[in-house]
């Protein structure tokens, strides 16, 4: 009699665990079906980083192509078409030229100018 009660209790526990497991698995599959796939959401930032990097390179190439500007101390960052210029330039005309060149690059939607005029130290 004791063995039969023990066996029945084990069967009951097995049934409860199986039903809990099935419910958990179905809720996971429902959540997975309703959520966007991780592959598509993970690949979007990578493409954006590549686009931003490519835009930065195009701005640097525009600086290099124009021999009238010394862009050695100018930093360029890009995010979704918005370009930010940082660093220093020799004079205000150089700053204006850098901003103008950056605005002329295809894919640039806006330019934020954070450039300053380089100070010469007294000797």
PDB file of N, CA and C in Angstrom:
ATOM      1  N   UNK A   1       0.819  -1.181   0.000  1.00  0.00           N
ATOM      2  CA  UNK A   1       0.000   0.000   0.000  1.00  0.00           C
ATOM      3  C   UNK A   1       0.869   1.252   0.000  1.00  0.00           C
ATOM      4  N   UNK A   2       1.899   1.228   0.815  1.00  0.00           N
ATOM      5  CA  UNK A   2       2.811   2.355   0.900  1.00  0.00           C
ATOM      6  C   UNK A   2       3.491   2.592  -0.439  1.00  0.00           C
ATOM      7  N   UNK A   3       3.890   1.520  -1.140  1.00  0.00           N
ATOM      8  CA  UNK A   3       4.535   1.643  -2.437  1.00  0.00           C
ATOM      9  C   UNK A   3       3.580   2.250  -3.458  1.00  0.00           C
ATOM     10  N   UNK A   4       2.317   1.892  -3.376  1.00  0.00           N
ATOM     11  CA  UNK A   4       1.343   2.399  -4.325  1.00  0.00           C
ATOM     12  C   UNK A   4       1.131   3.897  -4.119  1.00  0.00           C
ATOM     13  N   UNK A   5       1.066   4.357  -2.877  1.00  0.00           N
ATOM     14  CA  UNK A   5       0.905   5.782  -2.602  1.00  0.00           C
ATOM     15  C   UNK A   5       2.133   6.552  -3.095  1.00  0.00           C
ATOM     16  N   UNK A   6       3.284   5.978  -2.871  1.00  0.00           N
ATOM     17  CA  UNK A   6       4.519   6.610  -3.294  1.00  0.00           C
ATOM     18  C   UNK A   6       4.569   6.718  -4.821  1.00  0.00           C
ATOM     19  N   UNK A   7       4.153   5.661  -5.506  1.00  0.00           N
ATOM     20  CA  UNK A   7       4.145   5.650  -6.960  1.00  0.00           C
ATOM     21  C   UNK A   7       3.132   6.660  -7.490  1.00  0.00           C
ATOM     22  N   UNK A   8       1.966   6.740  -6.888  1.00  0.00           N
ATOM     23  CA  UNK A   8       0.942   7.687  -7.312  1.00  0.00           C
ATOM     24  C   UNK A   8       1.415   9.136  -7.099  1.00  0.00           C
ATOM     25  N   UNK A   9       2.097   9.349  -5.991  1.00  0.00           N
ATOM     26  CA  UNK A   9       2.607  10.691  -5.705  1.00  0.00           C
ATOM     27  C   UNK A   9       3.665  11.078  -6.735  1.00  0.00           C
ATOM     28  N   UNK A  10       4.520  10.138  -7.093  1.00  0.00           N
ATOM     29  CA  UNK A  10       5.553  10.414  -8.095  1.00  0.00           C
ATOM     30  C   UNK A  10       4.927  10.690  -9.451  1.00  0.00           C
ATOM     31  N   UNK A  11       3.880   9.956  -9.800  1.00  0.00           N
ATOM     32  CA  UNK A  11       3.183  10.186 -11.066  1.00  0.00           C
ATOM     33  C   UNK A  11       2.552  11.577 -11.066  1.00  0.00           C
ATOM     34  N   UNK A  12       1.955  11.928  -9.945  1.00  0.00           N
ATOM     35  CA  UNK A  12       1.319  13.241  -9.851  1.00  0.00           C
ATOM     36  C   UNK A  12       2.355  14.351  -9.994  1.00  0.00           C
ATOM     37  N   UNK A  13       3.496  14.182  -9.345  1.00  0.00           N
ATOM     38  CA  UNK A  13       4.561  15.175  -9.452  1.00  0.00           C
ATOM     39  C   UNK A  13       5.057  15.247 -10.893  1.00  0.00           C
ATOM     40  N   UNK A  14       5.222  14.123 -11.537  1.00  0.00           N
ATOM     41  CA  UNK A  14       5.679  14.096 -12.928  1.00  0.00           C
ATOM     42  C   UNK A  14       4.692  14.815 -13.842  1.00  0.00           C
ATOM     43  N   UNK A  15       3.399  14.589 -13.621  1.00  0.00           N
ATOM     44  CA  UNK A  15       2.377  15.231 -14.450  1.00  0.00           C
ATOM     45  C   UNK A  15       2.407  16.746 -14.239  1.00  0.00           C
ATOM     46  N   UNK A  16       2.524  17.165 -12.988  1.00  0.00           N
ATOM     47  CA  UNK A  16       2.563  18.599 -12.702  1.00  0.00           C
ATOM     48  C   UNK A  16       3.797  19.236 -13.341  1.00  0.00           C
ATOM     49  N   UNK A  17       4.953  18.592 -13.196  1.00  0.00           N
ATOM     50  CA  UNK A  17       6.175  19.127 -13.781  1.00  0.00           C
ATOM     51  C   UNK A  17       6.098  19.186 -15.309  1.00  0.00           C
ATOM     52  N   UNK A  18       5.525  18.152 -15.907  1.00  0.00           N
ATOM     53  CA  UNK A  18       5.398  18.110 -17.361  1.00  0.00           C
ATOM     54  C   UNK A  18       4.475  19.224 -17.847  1.00  0.00           C
ATOM     55  N   UNK A  19       3.374  19.437 -17.141  1.00  0.00           N
ATOM     56  CA  UNK A  19       2.458  20.484 -17.581  1.00  0.00           C
ATOM     57  C   UNK A  19       3.073  21.872 -17.368  1.00  0.00           C
ATOM     58  N   UNK A  20       3.840  22.030 -16.280  1.00  0.00           N
ATOM     59  CA  UNK A  20       4.499  23.310 -16.047  1.00  0.00           C
ATOM     60  C   UNK A  20       5.545  23.569 -17.135  1.00  0.00           C
ATOM     61  N   UNK A  21       6.274  22.536 -17.492  1.00  0.00           N
ATOM     62  CA  UNK A  21       7.295  22.656 -18.520  1.00  0.00           C
ATOM     63  C   UNK A  21       6.663  22.993 -19.868  1.00  0.00           C
ATOM     64  N   UNK A  22       5.554  22.338 -20.187  1.00  0.00           N
ATOM     65  CA  UNK A  22       4.874  22.603 -21.455  1.00  0.00           C
ATOM     66  C   UNK A  22       4.349  24.031 -21.492  1.00  0.00           C
ATOM     67  N   UNK A  23       3.805  24.486 -20.376  1.00  0.00           N
ATOM     68  CA  UNK A  23       3.311  25.857 -20.312  1.00  0.00           C
ATOM     69  C   UNK A  23       4.437  26.864 -20.460  1.00  0.00           C
ATOM     70  N   UNK A  24       5.564  26.573 -19.844  1.00  0.00           N
ATOM     71  CA  UNK A  24       6.722  27.460 -19.928  1.00  0.00           C
ATOM     72  C   UNK A  24       7.241  27.519 -21.360  1.00  0.00           C
ATOM     73  N   UNK A  25       7.325  26.359 -22.013  1.00  0.00           N
ATOM     74  CA  UNK A  25       7.824  26.322 -23.381  1.00  0.00           C
ATOM     75  C   UNK A  25       6.889  27.051 -24.331  1.00  0.00           C
ATOM     76  N   UNK A  26       5.577  26.898 -24.134  1.00  0.00           N
ATOM     77  CA  UNK A  26       4.648  27.577 -25.030  1.00  0.00           C
ATOM     78  C   UNK A  26       4.690  29.087 -24.801  1.00  0.00           C
ATOM     79  N   UNK A  27       4.874  29.522 -23.546  1.00  0.00           N
ATOM     80  CA  UNK A  27       4.970  30.961 -23.312  1.00  0.00           C
ATOM     81  C   UNK A  27       6.252  31.516 -23.898  1.00  0.00           C
ATOM     82  N   UNK A  28       7.330  30.713 -23.891  1.00  0.00           N
ATOM     83  CA  UNK A  28       8.577  31.155 -24.504  1.00  0.00           C
ATOM     84  C   UNK A  28       8.420  31.271 -26.015  1.00  0.00           C
ATOM     85  N   UNK A  29       7.758  30.308 -26.626  1.00  0.00           N
ATOM     86  CA  UNK A  29       7.606  30.357 -28.076  1.00  0.00           C
ATOM     87  C   UNK A  29       6.679  31.498 -28.479  1.00  0.00           C
ATOM     88  N   UNK A  30       5.664  31.796 -27.655  1.00  0.00           N
ATOM     89  CA  UNK A  30       4.781  32.918 -27.954  1.00  0.00           C
ATOM     90  C   UNK A  30       5.556  34.227 -27.840  1.00  0.00           C
ATOM     91  N   UNK A  31       6.404  34.338 -26.829  1.00  0.00           N
ATOM     92  CA  UNK A  31       7.201  35.551 -26.654  1.00  0.00           C
ATOM     93  C   UNK A  31       8.185  35.696 -27.803  1.00  0.00           C
ATOM     94  N   UNK A  32       8.762  34.593 -28.226  1.00  0.00           N
ATOM     95  CA  UNK A  32       9.716  34.642 -29.324  1.00  0.00           C
ATOM     96  C   UNK A  32       9.027  35.024 -30.628  1.00  0.00           C
ATOM     97  N   UNK A  33       7.807  34.545 -30.815  1.00  0.00           N
ATOM     98  CA  UNK A  33       7.078  34.853 -32.034  1.00  0.00           C
ATOM     99  C   UNK A  33       6.669  36.324 -32.076  1.00  0.00           C
ATOM    100  N   UNK A  34       6.343  36.896 -30.923  1.00  0.00           N
ATOM    101  CA  UNK A  34       5.893  38.287 -30.910  1.00  0.00           C
ATOM    102  C   UNK A  34       7.051  39.275 -30.869  1.00  0.00           C
ATOM    103  N   UNK A  35       8.219  38.858 -30.403  1.00  0.00           N
ATOM    104  CA  UNK A  35       9.365  39.762 -30.319  1.00  0.00           C
ATOM    105  C   UNK A  35      10.094  39.797 -31.654  1.00  0.00           C
ATOM    106  N   UNK A  36      10.699  40.931 -32.009  1.00  0.00           N
ATOM    107  CA  UNK A  36      11.483  40.966 -33.241  1.00  0.00           C
ATOM    108  C   UNK A  36      12.704  40.077 -33.098  1.00  0.00           C
ATOM    109  N   UNK A  37      13.150  39.555 -34.218  1.00  0.00           N
ATOM    110  CA  UNK A  37      14.293  38.652 -34.144  1.00  0.00           C
ATOM    111  C   UNK A  37      15.537  39.411 -33.744  1.00  0.00           C
ATOM    112  N   UNK A  38      16.394  38.769 -32.981  1.00  0.00           N
ATOM    113  CA  UNK A  38      17.610  39.405 -32.498  1.00  0.00           C
ATOM    114  C   UNK A  38      18.580  39.668 -33.646  1.00  0.00           C
ATOM    115  N   UNK A  39      18.541  38.846 -34.676  1.00  0.00           N
ATOM    116  CA  UNK A  39      19.471  39.020 -35.779  1.00  0.00           C
ATOM    117  C   UNK A  39      19.224  40.347 -36.493  1.00  0.00           C
ATOM    118  N   UNK A  40      17.958  40.697 -36.715  1.00  0.00           N
ATOM    119  CA  UNK A  40      17.682  41.931 -37.434  1.00  0.00           C
ATOM    120  C   UNK A  40      17.961  43.144 -36.567  1.00  0.00           C
ATOM    121  N   UNK A  41      17.648  43.075 -35.280  1.00  0.00           N
ATOM    122  CA  UNK A  41      17.898  44.235 -34.432  1.00  0.00           C
ATOM    123  C   UNK A  41      19.384  44.378 -34.119  1.00  0.00           C
ATOM    124  N   UNK A  42      20.117  43.286 -34.111  1.00  0.00           N
ATOM    125  CA  UNK A  42      21.550  43.365 -33.834  1.00  0.00           C
ATOM    126  C   UNK A  42      22.312  43.852 -35.063  1.00  0.00           C
ATOM    127  N   UNK A  43      21.809  43.573 -36.257  1.00  0.00           N
ATOM    128  CA  UNK A  43      22.529  43.982 -37.451  1.00  0.00           C
ATOM    129  C   UNK A  43      22.321  45.457 -37.774  1.00  0.00           C
ATOM    130  N   UNK A  44      21.241  46.056 -37.298  1.00  0.00           N
ATOM    131  CA  UNK A  44      20.984  47.469 -37.591  1.00  0.00           C
ATOM    132  C   UNK A  44      22.076  48.380 -37.029  1.00  0.00           C
ATOM    133  N   UNK A  45      22.487  48.237 -35.763  1.00  0.00           N
ATOM    134  CA  UNK A  45      23.542  49.120 -35.264  1.00  0.00           C
ATOM    135  C   UNK A  45      24.869  48.937 -36.001  1.00  0.00           C
ATOM    136  N   UNK A  46      25.149  47.725 -36.450  1.00  0.00           N
ATOM    137  CA  UNK A  46      26.396  47.488 -37.173  1.00  0.00           C
ATOM    138  C   UNK A  46      26.381  48.265 -38.482  1.00  0.00           C
ATOM    139  N   UNK A  47      25.263  48.225 -39.193  1.00  0.00           N
ATOM    140  CA  UNK A  47      25.164  48.962 -40.448  1.00  0.00           C
ATOM    141  C   UNK A  47      25.279  50.454 -40.183  1.00  0.00           C
ATOM    142  N   UNK A  48      24.696  50.937 -39.109  1.00  0.00           N
ATOM    143  CA  UNK A  48      24.775  52.345 -38.770  1.00  0.00           C
ATOM    144  C   UNK A  48      26.207  52.741 -38.453  1.00  0.00           C
ATOM    145  N   UNK A  49      26.910  51.917 -37.704  1.00  0.00           N
ATOM    146  CA  UNK A  49      28.317  52.214 -37.410  1.00  0.00           C
ATOM    147  C   UNK A  49      29.133  52.275 -38.692  1.00  0.00           C
ATOM    148  N   UNK A  50      28.868  51.351 -39.607  1.00  0.00           N
ATOM    149  CA  UNK A  50      29.595  51.345 -40.881  1.00  0.00           C
ATOM    150  C   UNK A  50      29.275  52.604 -41.677  1.00  0.00           C
ATOM    151  N   UNK A  51      28.005  53.001 -41.688  1.00  0.00           N
ATOM    152  CA  UNK A  51      27.611  54.215 -42.405  1.00  0.00           C
ATOM    153  C   UNK A  51      28.271  55.448 -41.790  1.00  0.00           C
ATOM    154  N   UNK A  52      28.279  55.519 -40.471  1.00  0.00           N
ATOM    155  CA  UNK A  52      28.901  56.657 -39.784  1.00  0.00           C
ATOM    156  C   UNK A  52      30.395  56.718 -40.074  1.00  0.00           C
ATOM    157  N   UNK A  53      31.044  55.565 -40.031  1.00  0.00           N
ATOM    158  CA  UNK A  53      32.480  55.494 -40.307  1.00  0.00           C
ATOM    159  C   UNK A  53      32.763  55.924 -41.750  1.00  0.00           C
ATOM    160  N   UNK A  54      31.938  55.474 -42.681  1.00  0.00           N
ATOM    161  CA  UNK A  54      32.121  55.833 -44.087  1.00  0.00           C
ATOM    162  C   UNK A  54      31.932  57.338 -44.296  1.00  0.00           C
ATOM    163  N   UNK A  55      30.961  57.925 -43.613  1.00  0.00           N
ATOM    164  CA  UNK A  55      30.732  59.363 -43.741  1.00  0.00           C
ATOM    165  C   UNK A  55      31.920  60.155 -43.176  1.00  0.00           C
ATOM    166  N   UNK A  56      32.447  59.707 -42.043  1.00  0.00           N
ATOM    167  CA  UNK A  56      33.641  60.350 -41.479  1.00  0.00           C
ATOM    168  C   UNK A  56      34.792  60.319 -42.473  1.00  0.00           C
ATOM    169  N   UNK A  57      34.991  59.177 -43.105  1.00  0.00           N
ATOM    170  CA  UNK A  57      36.082  59.037 -44.072  1.00  0.00           C
ATOM    171  C   UNK A  57      35.886  59.971 -45.260  1.00  0.00           C
ATOM    172  N   UNK A  58      34.630  60.145 -45.688  1.00  0.00           N
ATOM    173  CA  UNK A  58      34.358  61.051 -46.804  1.00  0.00           C
ATOM    174  C   UNK A  58      34.676  62.498 -46.433  1.00  0.00           C
ATOM    175  N   UNK A  59      34.371  62.888 -45.210  1.00  0.00           N
ATOM    176  CA  UNK A  59      34.680  64.251 -44.761  1.00  0.00           C
ATOM    177  C   UNK A  59      36.192  64.433 -44.690  1.00  0.00           C
ATOM    178  N   UNK A  60      36.902  63.464 -44.118  1.00  0.00           N
ATOM    179  CA  UNK A  60      38.362  63.550 -44.076  1.00  0.00           C
ATOM    180  C   UNK A  60      38.953  63.604 -45.485  1.00  0.00           C
ATOM    181  N   UNK A  61      38.362  62.859 -46.412  1.00  0.00           N
ATOM    182  CA  UNK A  61      38.847  62.864 -47.798  1.00  0.00           C
ATOM    183  C   UNK A  61      38.633  64.239 -48.434  1.00  0.00           C
ATOM    184  N   UNK A  62      37.520  64.891 -48.115  1.00  0.00           N
ATOM    185  CA  UNK A  62      37.273  66.240 -48.638  1.00  0.00           C
ATOM    186  C   UNK A  62      38.307  67.212 -48.090  1.00  0.00           C
ATOM    187  N   UNK A  63      38.668  67.061 -46.819  1.00  0.00           N
ATOM    188  CA  UNK A  63      39.714  67.907 -46.233  1.00  0.00           C
ATOM    189  C   UNK A  63      41.052  67.666 -46.932  1.00  0.00           C
ATOM    190  N   UNK A  64      41.373  66.411 -47.170  1.00  0.00           N
ATOM    191  CA  UNK A  64      42.663  66.073 -47.784  1.00  0.00           C
ATOM    192  C   UNK A  64      42.738  66.554 -49.225  1.00  0.00           C
ATOM    193  N   UNK A  65      41.606  66.538 -49.908  1.00  0.00           N
ATOM    194  CA  UNK A  65      41.567  66.938 -51.312  1.00  0.00           C
ATOM    195  C   UNK A  65      41.810  68.442 -51.474  1.00  0.00           C
ATOM    196  N   UNK A  66      41.356  69.233 -50.520  1.00  0.00           N
ATOM    197  CA  UNK A  66      41.514  70.687 -50.581  1.00  0.00           C
ATOM    198  C   UNK A  66      42.829  71.059 -49.898  1.00  0.00           C
ATOM    199  N   UNK A  67      43.799  71.483 -50.683  1.00  0.00           N
ATOM    200  CA  UNK A  67      45.137  71.772 -50.157  1.00  0.00           C
ATOM    201  C   UNK A  67      45.206  73.091 -49.389  1.00  0.00           C
ATOM    202  N   UNK A  68      44.141  73.883 -49.406  1.00  0.00           N
ATOM    203  CA  UNK A  68      44.182  75.170 -48.715  1.00  0.00           C
ATOM    204  C   UNK A  68      43.840  75.055 -47.233  1.00  0.00           C
ATOM    205  N   UNK A  69      43.517  73.852 -46.789  1.00  0.00           N
ATOM    206  CA  UNK A  69      43.139  73.676 -45.385  1.00  0.00           C
ATOM    207  C   UNK A  69      44.119  72.729 -44.697  1.00  0.00           C
ATOM    208  N   UNK A  70      44.483  73.096 -43.481  1.00  0.00           N
ATOM    209  CA  UNK A  70      45.321  72.236 -42.648  1.00  0.00           C
ATOM    210  C   UNK A  70      44.397  71.579 -41.630  1.00  0.00           C
ATOM    211  N   UNK A  71      44.004  70.345 -41.896  1.00  0.00           N
ATOM    212  CA  UNK A  71      43.017  69.666 -41.056  1.00  0.00           C
ATOM    213  C   UNK A  71      43.655  68.663 -40.106  1.00  0.00           C
ATOM    214  N   UNK A  72      44.947  68.808 -39.869  1.00  0.00           N
ATOM    215  CA  UNK A  72      45.657  67.854 -39.013  1.00  0.00           C
ATOM    216  C   UNK A  72      45.148  67.791 -37.591  1.00  0.00           C
ATOM    217  N   UNK A  73      44.593  68.884 -37.085  1.00  0.00           N
ATOM    218  CA  UNK A  73      44.094  68.904 -35.706  1.00  0.00           C
ATOM    219  C   UNK A  73      42.578  68.959 -35.641  1.00  0.00           C
ATOM    220  N   UNK A  74      41.917  68.550 -36.725  1.00  0.00           N
ATOM    221  CA  UNK A  74      40.455  68.558 -36.757  1.00  0.00           C
ATOM    222  C   UNK A  74      39.943  67.134 -36.636  1.00  0.00           C
ATOM    223  N   UNK A  75      39.055  66.937 -35.688  1.00  0.00           N
ATOM    224  CA  UNK A  75      38.417  65.638 -35.511  1.00  0.00           C
ATOM    225  C   UNK A  75      37.020  65.662 -36.107  1.00  0.00           C
ATOM    226  N   UNK A  76      36.607  64.546 -36.650  1.00  0.00           N
ATOM    227  CA  UNK A  76      35.283  64.438 -37.275  1.00  0.00           C
ATOM    228  C   UNK A  76      34.552  63.263 -36.651  1.00  0.00           C
ATOM    229  N   UNK A  77      33.331  63.507 -36.198  1.00  0.00           N
ATOM    230  CA  UNK A  77      32.466  62.409 -35.767  1.00  0.00           C
ATOM    231  C   UNK A  77      31.168  62.524 -36.552  1.00  0.00           C
ATOM    232  N   UNK A  78      30.549  61.383 -36.810  1.00  0.00           N
ATOM    233  CA  UNK A  78      29.316  61.370 -37.596  1.00  0.00           C
ATOM    234  C   UNK A  78      28.320  60.428 -36.958  1.00  0.00           C
ATOM    235  N   UNK A  79      27.064  60.830 -36.972  1.00  0.00           N
ATOM    236  CA  UNK A  79      25.991  59.975 -36.478  1.00  0.00           C
ATOM    237  C   UNK A  79      24.741  60.274 -37.275  1.00  0.00           C
ATOM    238  N   UNK A  80      24.328  59.319 -38.071  1.00  0.00           N
ATOM    239  CA  UNK A  80      23.113  59.417 -38.878  1.00  0.00           C
ATOM    240  C   UNK A  80      23.084  60.682 -39.736  1.00  0.00           C
ATOM    241  N   UNK A  81      24.203  61.027 -40.342  1.00  0.00           N
ATOM    242  CA  UNK A  81      24.270  62.182 -41.227  1.00  0.00           C
ATOM    243  C   UNK A  81      24.671  63.474 -40.547  1.00  0.00           C
ATOM    244  N   UNK A  82      24.619  63.524 -39.227  1.00  0.00           N
ATOM    245  CA  UNK A  82      25.020  64.722 -38.483  1.00  0.00           C
ATOM    246  C   UNK A  82      26.507  64.634 -38.185  1.00  0.00           C
ATOM    247  N   UNK A  83      27.258  65.619 -38.649  1.00  0.00           N
ATOM    248  CA  UNK A  83      28.709  65.634 -38.489  1.00  0.00           C
ATOM    249  C   UNK A  83      29.078  66.687 -37.452  1.00  0.00           C
ATOM    250  N   UNK A  84      30.019  66.349 -36.575  1.00  0.00           N
ATOM    251  CA  UNK A  84      30.542  67.289 -35.584  1.00  0.00           C
ATOM    252  C   UNK A  84      32.038  67.436 -35.808  1.00  0.00           C
ATOM    253  N   UNK A  85      32.477  68.675 -35.910  1.00  0.00           N
ATOM    254  CA  UNK A  85      33.896  68.975 -36.083  1.00  0.00           C
ATOM    255  C   UNK A  85      34.438  69.477 -34.756  1.00  0.00           C
ATOM    256  N   UNK A  86      35.543  68.893 -34.303  1.00  0.00           N
ATOM    257  CA  UNK A  86      36.177  69.291 -33.049  1.00  0.00           C
ATOM    258  C   UNK A  86      37.658  69.519 -33.289  1.00  0.00           C
ATOM    259  N   UNK A  87      38.284  70.222 -32.362  1.00  0.00           N
ATOM    260  CA  UNK A  87      39.723  70.435 -32.454  1.00  0.00           C
ATOM    261  C   UNK A  87      40.057  71.885 -32.718  1.00  0.00           C
ATOM    262  N   UNK A  88      41.206  72.092 -33.364  1.00  0.00           N
ATOM    263  CA  UNK A  88      41.678  73.457 -33.614  1.00  0.00           C
ATOM    264  C   UNK A  88      42.072  73.641 -35.069  1.00  0.00           C
ATOM    265  N   UNK A  89      42.029  74.902 -35.487  1.00  0.00           N
ATOM    266  CA  UNK A  89      42.481  75.293 -36.823  1.00  0.00           C
ATOM    267  C   UNK A  89      43.354  76.530 -36.670  1.00  0.00           C
ATOM    268  N   UNK A  90      44.124  76.841 -37.704  1.00  0.00           N
ATOM    269  CA  UNK A  90      45.093  77.932 -37.632  1.00  0.00           C
ATOM    270  C   UNK A  90      44.432  79.297 -37.489  1.00  0.00           C
ATOM    271  N   UNK A  91      43.291  79.495 -38.159  1.00  0.00           N
ATOM    272  CA  UNK A  91      42.620  80.796 -38.107  1.00  0.00           C
ATOM    273  C   UNK A  91      41.131  80.622 -38.413  1.00  0.00           C
ATOM    274  N   UNK A  92      40.343  81.678 -38.221  1.00  0.00           N
ATOM    275  CA  UNK A  92      38.896  81.567 -38.471  1.00  0.00           C
ATOM    276  C   UNK A  92      38.550  81.173 -39.911  1.00  0.00           C
ATOM    277  N   UNK A  93      39.358  81.597 -40.863  1.00  0.00           N
ATOM    278  CA  UNK A  93      39.101  81.237 -42.266  1.00  0.00           C
ATOM    279  C   UNK A  93      39.205  79.717 -42.461  1.00  0.00           C
ATOM    280  N   UNK A  94      40.153  79.096 -41.775  1.00  0.00           N
ATOM    281  CA  UNK A  94      40.303  77.639 -41.855  1.00  0.00           C
ATOM    282  C   UNK A  94      39.068  76.938 -41.274  1.00  0.00           C
ATOM    283  N   UNK A  95      38.541  77.490 -40.201  1.00  0.00           N
ATOM    284  CA  UNK A  95      37.340  76.917 -39.583  1.00  0.00           C
ATOM    285  C   UNK A  95      36.169  77.007 -40.553  1.00  0.00           C
ATOM    286  N   UNK A  96      35.992  78.180 -41.155  1.00  0.00           N
ATOM    287  CA  UNK A  96      34.902  78.353 -42.122  1.00  0.00           C
ATOM    288  C   UNK A  96      35.054  77.397 -43.303  1.00  0.00           C
ATOM    289  N   UNK A  97      36.280  77.224 -43.758  1.00  0.00           N
ATOM    290  CA  UNK A  97      36.547  76.324 -44.891  1.00  0.00           C
ATOM    291  C   UNK A  97      36.223  74.876 -44.507  1.00  0.00           C
ATOM    292  N   UNK A  98      36.610  74.463 -43.305  1.00  0.00           N
ATOM    293  CA  UNK A  98      36.335  73.087 -42.862  1.00  0.00           C
ATOM    294  C   UNK A  98      34.829  72.832 -42.780  1.00  0.00           C
ATOM    295  N   UNK A  99      34.107  73.782 -42.238  1.00  0.00           N
ATOM    296  CA  UNK A  99      32.644  73.635 -42.136  1.00  0.00           C
ATOM    297  C   UNK A  99      32.036  73.563 -43.530  1.00  0.00           C
ATOM    298  N   UNK A 100      32.493  74.429 -44.424  1.00  0.00           N
ATOM    299  CA  UNK A 100      31.989  74.449 -45.792  1.00  0.00           C
ATOM    300  C   UNK A 100      32.258  73.118 -46.510  1.00  0.00           C
ATOM    301  N   UNK A 101      33.470  72.605 -46.359  1.00  0.00           N
ATOM    302  CA  UNK A 101      33.814  71.324 -46.991  1.00  0.00           C
ATOM    303  C   UNK A 101      32.965  70.186 -46.433  1.00  0.00           C
ATOM    304  N   UNK A 102      32.772  70.170 -45.127  1.00  0.00           N
ATOM    305  CA  UNK A 102      31.972  69.103 -44.511  1.00  0.00           C
ATOM    306  C   UNK A 102      30.530  69.161 -44.993  1.00  0.00           C
ATOM    307  N   UNK A 103      29.974  70.367 -45.101  1.00  0.00           N
ATOM    308  CA  UNK A 103      28.594  70.512 -45.581  1.00  0.00           C
ATOM    309  C   UNK A 103      28.445  70.046 -47.019  1.00  0.00           C
ATOM    310  N   UNK A 104      29.521  70.129 -47.797  1.00  0.00           N
ATOM    311  CA  UNK A 104      29.471  69.743 -49.200  1.00  0.00           C
ATOM    312  C   UNK A 104      29.578  68.252 -49.452  1.00  0.00           C
ATOM    313  N   UNK A 105      29.831  67.467 -48.423  1.00  0.00           N
ATOM    314  CA  UNK A 105      29.976  66.018 -48.591  1.00  0.00           C
ATOM    315  C   UNK A 105      28.593  65.378 -48.701  1.00  0.00           C
ATOM    316  N   UNK A 106      28.447  64.518 -49.674  1.00  0.00           N
ATOM    317  CA  UNK A 106      27.180  63.816 -49.869  1.00  0.00           C
ATOM    318  C   UNK A 106      26.864  62.933 -48.660  1.00  0.00           C
ATOM    319  N   UNK A 107      25.652  63.059 -48.146  1.00  0.00           N
ATOM    320  CA  UNK A 107      25.250  62.269 -46.990  1.00  0.00           C
ATOM    321  C   UNK A 107      25.268  63.057 -45.690  1.00  0.00           C
ATOM    322  N   UNK A 108      25.886  64.229 -45.702  1.00  0.00           N
ATOM    323  CA  UNK A 108      25.931  65.069 -44.502  1.00  0.00           C
ATOM    324  C   UNK A 108      24.640  65.878 -44.437  1.00  0.00           C
ATOM    325  N   UNK A 109      23.903  65.720 -43.349  1.00  0.00           N
ATOM    326  CA  UNK A 109      22.650  66.454 -43.194  1.00  0.00           C
ATOM    327  C   UNK A 109      22.829  67.724 -42.365  1.00  0.00           C
ATOM    328  N   UNK A 110      23.798  67.729 -41.450  1.00  0.00           N
ATOM    329  CA  UNK A 110      24.066  68.917 -40.641  1.00  0.00           C
ATOM    330  C   UNK A 110      25.506  68.874 -40.154  1.00  0.00           C
ATOM    331  N   UNK A 111      26.031  70.064 -39.837  1.00  0.00           N
ATOM    332  CA  UNK A 111      27.400  70.162 -39.321  1.00  0.00           C
ATOM    333  C   UNK A 111      27.363  70.990 -38.046  1.00  0.00           C
ATOM    334  N   UNK A 112      27.888  70.429 -36.974  1.00  0.00           N
ATOM    335  CA  UNK A 112      28.057  71.155 -35.721  1.00  0.00           C
ATOM    336  C   UNK A 112      29.521  71.533 -35.607  1.00  0.00           C
ATOM    337  N   UNK A 113      29.765  72.835 -35.477  1.00  0.00           N
ATOM    338  CA  UNK A 113      31.132  73.342 -35.447  1.00  0.00           C
ATOM    339  C   UNK A 113      31.559  73.565 -34.000  1.00  0.00           C
ATOM    340  N   UNK A 114      32.505  72.761 -33.536  1.00  0.00           N
ATOM    341  CA  UNK A 114      33.100  72.945 -32.211  1.00  0.00           C
ATOM    342  C   UNK A 114      34.592  73.240 -32.332  1.00  0.00           C
ATOM    343  N   UNK A 115      34.971  73.802 -33.462  1.00  0.00           N
ATOM    344  CA  UNK A 115      36.367  74.127 -33.717  1.00  0.00           C
ATOM    345  C   UNK A 115      36.734  75.442 -33.040  1.00  0.00           C
ATOM    346  N   UNK A 116      37.972  75.539 -32.611  1.00  0.00           N
ATOM    347  CA  UNK A 116      38.503  76.778 -32.037  1.00  0.00           C
ATOM    348  C   UNK A 116      39.789  77.144 -32.765  1.00  0.00           C
ATOM    349  N   UNK A 117      40.155  78.408 -32.663  1.00  0.00           N
ATOM    350  CA  UNK A 117      41.393  78.867 -33.278  1.00  0.00           C
ATOM    351  C   UNK A 117      42.563  78.445 -32.382  1.00  0.00           C
ATOM    352  N   UNK A 118      43.565  77.878 -33.023  1.00  0.00           N
ATOM    353  CA  UNK A 118      44.758  77.419 -32.312  1.00  0.00           C
ATOM    354  C   UNK A 118      45.526  78.621 -31.788  1.00  0.00           C
ATOM    355  N   UNK A 119      45.897  78.555 -30.547  1.00  0.00           N
ATOM    356  CA  UNK A 119      46.690  79.636 -29.937  1.00  0.00           C
ATOM    357  C   UNK A 119      48.169  79.331 -30.078  1.00  0.00           C
ATOM    358  N   UNK A 120      48.915  80.347 -30.424  1.00  0.00           N
ATOM    359  CA  UNK A 120      50.369  80.207 -30.459  1.00  0.00           C
ATOM    360  C   UNK A 120      50.922  80.602 -29.090  1.00  0.00           C
ATOM    361  N   UNK A 121      51.779  79.779 -28.564  1.00  0.00           N
ATOM    362  CA  UNK A 121      52.374  80.072 -27.260  1.00  0.00           C
ATOM    363  C   UNK A 121      53.490  81.096 -27.426  1.00  0.00           C
ATOM    364  N   UNK A 122      53.549  82.036 -26.505  1.00  0.00           N
ATOM    365  CA  UNK A 122      54.602  83.051 -26.527  1.00  0.00           C
ATOM    366  C   UNK A 122      55.934  82.389 -26.210  1.00  0.00           C
ATOM    367  N   UNK A 123      56.952  82.830 -26.890  1.00  0.00           N
ATOM    368  CA  UNK A 123      58.264  82.211 -26.684  1.00  0.00           C
ATOM    369  C   UNK A 123      59.145  83.036 -25.814  1.00  0.00           C
TER     370      UNK A 123
END
